[in-house]
Amino acid sequence: MRLTIALILLLLTGCSRSNNLLMGRVEAIVGTHTVVVTDCYRTTVPPPELLANGDHHFMPCRDADVWIRGEELTVNGTAYGKLQAGDGVLVDHGKVSVDRKKAARGANTSSARIAVGHAAKGD
């Protein structure tokens, strides 16, 4: 009984919008971008960093090293081009895609998901 309660508490503390231990999904706001990393099973995740020079760095697990420098996206040392404000980034089992947000016109908003390649995983 105690073991069951302990496991439930562990799972509840490891599951939130920013970190879902069961699904291996981590989400964080990095600059103006929502960055989602899958296949990342950690109970706690370090927050994104804003460096003095304005660069953003997010490394929720050792297989996902995300940098945004002047809106240029780099994942695991591979450059993926310039982001627009509000674009989402998905690192899904090493595959990187960008969800391009278009400026709202009136009440309409739209987005397009663009697969941009695979990120090399670190050791």
Protein backbone atom coordinates (compact mmCIF):
# COMPACT_ATOMS: atom_id res chain seq x y z
CA MET A 1 0.00 0.00 0.00
CA ARG A 2 2.77 2.46 0.91
CA LEU A 3 4.64 1.58 -2.27
CA THR A 4 1.53 2.28 -4.35
CA ILE A 5 1.03 5.67 -2.70
CA ALA A 6 4.71 6.51 -3.18
CA LEU A 7 4.53 5.61 -6.89
CA ILE A 8 1.39 7.68 -7.39
CA LEU A 9 3.01 10.68 -5.70
CA LEU A 10 6.14 10.27 -7.82
CA LEU A 11 4.09 10.17 -11.02
CA LEU A 12 2.02 13.18 -10.00
CA THR A 13 5.11 15.24 -9.24
CA GLY A 14 6.64 14.21 -12.57
CA CYS A 15 3.59 15.23 -14.63
CA SER A 16 2.73 18.83 -15.38
CA ARG A 17 2.25 20.99 -18.45
CA SER A 18 5.98 21.60 -18.55
CA ASN A 19 7.09 18.03 -17.79
CA ASN A 20 5.18 14.79 -18.40
CA LEU A 21 7.27 11.93 -17.06
CA LEU A 22 4.87 9.25 -18.32
CA MET A 23 4.91 10.49 -21.91
CA GLY A 24 8.52 11.68 -21.87
CA ARG A 25 7.39 15.14 -22.98
CA VAL A 26 8.95 18.42 -21.83
CA GLU A 27 7.62 21.87 -22.74
CA ALA A 28 9.07 25.30 -22.02
CA ILE A 29 8.81 28.87 -23.23
CA VAL A 30 12.17 29.86 -24.70
CA GLY A 31 12.12 33.52 -25.65
CA THR A 32 8.87 33.92 -27.62
CA HIS A 33 8.82 30.25 -28.64
CA THR A 34 7.21 27.18 -27.14
CA VAL A 35 9.78 24.37 -27.30
CA VAL A 36 8.58 20.79 -26.89
CA VAL A 37 11.01 17.89 -26.52
CA THR A 38 9.86 14.27 -26.58
CA ASP A 39 11.71 11.16 -25.44
CA CYS A 40 12.94 13.04 -22.37
CA TYR A 41 12.21 11.13 -19.17
CA ARG A 42 13.32 13.30 -16.24
CA THR A 43 11.58 14.07 -13.00
CA THR A 44 12.97 17.61 -13.00
CA VAL A 45 14.02 19.69 -15.96
CA PRO A 46 16.37 22.68 -15.85
CA PRO A 47 14.64 25.88 -16.98
CA PRO A 48 15.61 27.68 -20.19
CA GLU A 49 18.45 30.17 -19.83
CA LEU A 50 18.63 33.72 -21.11
CA LEU A 51 22.30 34.59 -21.49
CA ALA A 52 23.74 38.09 -21.11
CA ASN A 53 24.22 38.40 -24.88
CA GLY A 54 20.50 37.68 -25.52
CA ASP A 55 20.93 34.06 -26.60
CA HIS A 56 18.45 31.49 -25.29
CA HIS A 57 19.56 27.99 -24.27
CA PHE A 58 17.39 25.03 -23.27
CA MET A 59 18.78 21.58 -22.58
CA PRO A 60 16.08 19.53 -20.85
CA CYS A 61 17.95 16.27 -21.46
CA ARG A 62 21.32 15.42 -22.91
CA ASP A 63 19.83 14.42 -26.27
CA ALA A 64 18.25 17.84 -26.85
CA ASP A 65 20.48 20.92 -26.79
CA VAL A 66 18.37 23.82 -28.11
CA TRP A 67 19.87 27.25 -28.84
CA ILE A 68 18.09 30.32 -30.19
CA ARG A 69 20.59 33.01 -31.11
CA GLY A 70 19.10 36.10 -32.71
CA GLU A 71 16.07 33.98 -33.71
CA GLU A 72 18.38 31.41 -35.41
CA LEU A 73 17.47 27.90 -34.22
CA THR A 74 20.20 25.33 -33.55
CA VAL A 75 19.48 21.87 -32.11
CA ASN A 76 22.33 19.55 -31.17
CA GLY A 77 24.77 21.62 -33.21
CA THR A 78 22.67 21.60 -36.41
CA ALA A 79 21.29 24.93 -37.68
CA TYR A 80 17.60 24.99 -38.69
CA GLY A 81 17.17 28.57 -39.85
CA LYS A 82 15.52 31.71 -38.61
CA LEU A 83 12.43 31.61 -36.41
CA GLN A 84 9.65 34.16 -36.42
CA ALA A 85 8.22 35.49 -33.15
CA GLY A 86 5.83 32.93 -31.68
CA ASP A 87 6.98 29.97 -33.78
CA GLY A 88 6.85 26.66 -31.95
CA VAL A 89 9.70 24.14 -32.01
CA LEU A 90 9.27 20.39 -31.67
CA VAL A 91 12.21 18.03 -31.10
CA ASP A 92 10.55 14.63 -31.49
CA HIS A 93 12.93 11.68 -31.09
CA GLY A 94 15.65 13.68 -32.84
CA LYS A 95 13.45 15.05 -35.63
CA VAL A 96 13.10 18.84 -35.52
CA SER A 97 10.06 20.68 -36.83
CA VAL A 98 8.92 24.28 -36.61
CA ASP A 99 5.30 25.38 -36.26
CA ARG A 100 5.19 28.67 -38.15
CA LYS A 101 2.72 31.15 -36.65
CA LYS A 102 1.26 33.72 -38.98
CA ALA A 103 0.26 37.17 -37.81
CA ALA A 104 -3.35 37.41 -36.75
CA ARG A 105 -5.59 39.30 -39.16
CA GLY A 106 -8.76 40.23 -37.37
CA ALA A 107 -9.86 37.15 -35.42
CA ASN A 108 -8.18 34.64 -37.76
CA THR A 109 -4.93 32.88 -36.95
CA SER A 110 -3.27 30.05 -38.77
CA SER A 111 -0.17 27.97 -38.54
CA ALA A 112 1.80 25.55 -40.66
CA ARG A 113 4.06 22.81 -39.38
CA ILE A 114 7.31 22.52 -41.31
CA ALA A 115 9.54 19.50 -40.82
CA VAL A 116 13.10 20.72 -41.06
CA GLY A 117 15.23 17.66 -40.43
CA HIS A 118 16.89 15.42 -37.90
CA ALA A 119 19.04 16.59 -35.02
CA ALA A 120 22.13 14.56 -34.30
CA LYS A 121 21.94 13.12 -30.81
CA GLY A 122 24.80 13.66 -28.39
CA ASP A 123 26.58 10.86 -26.56
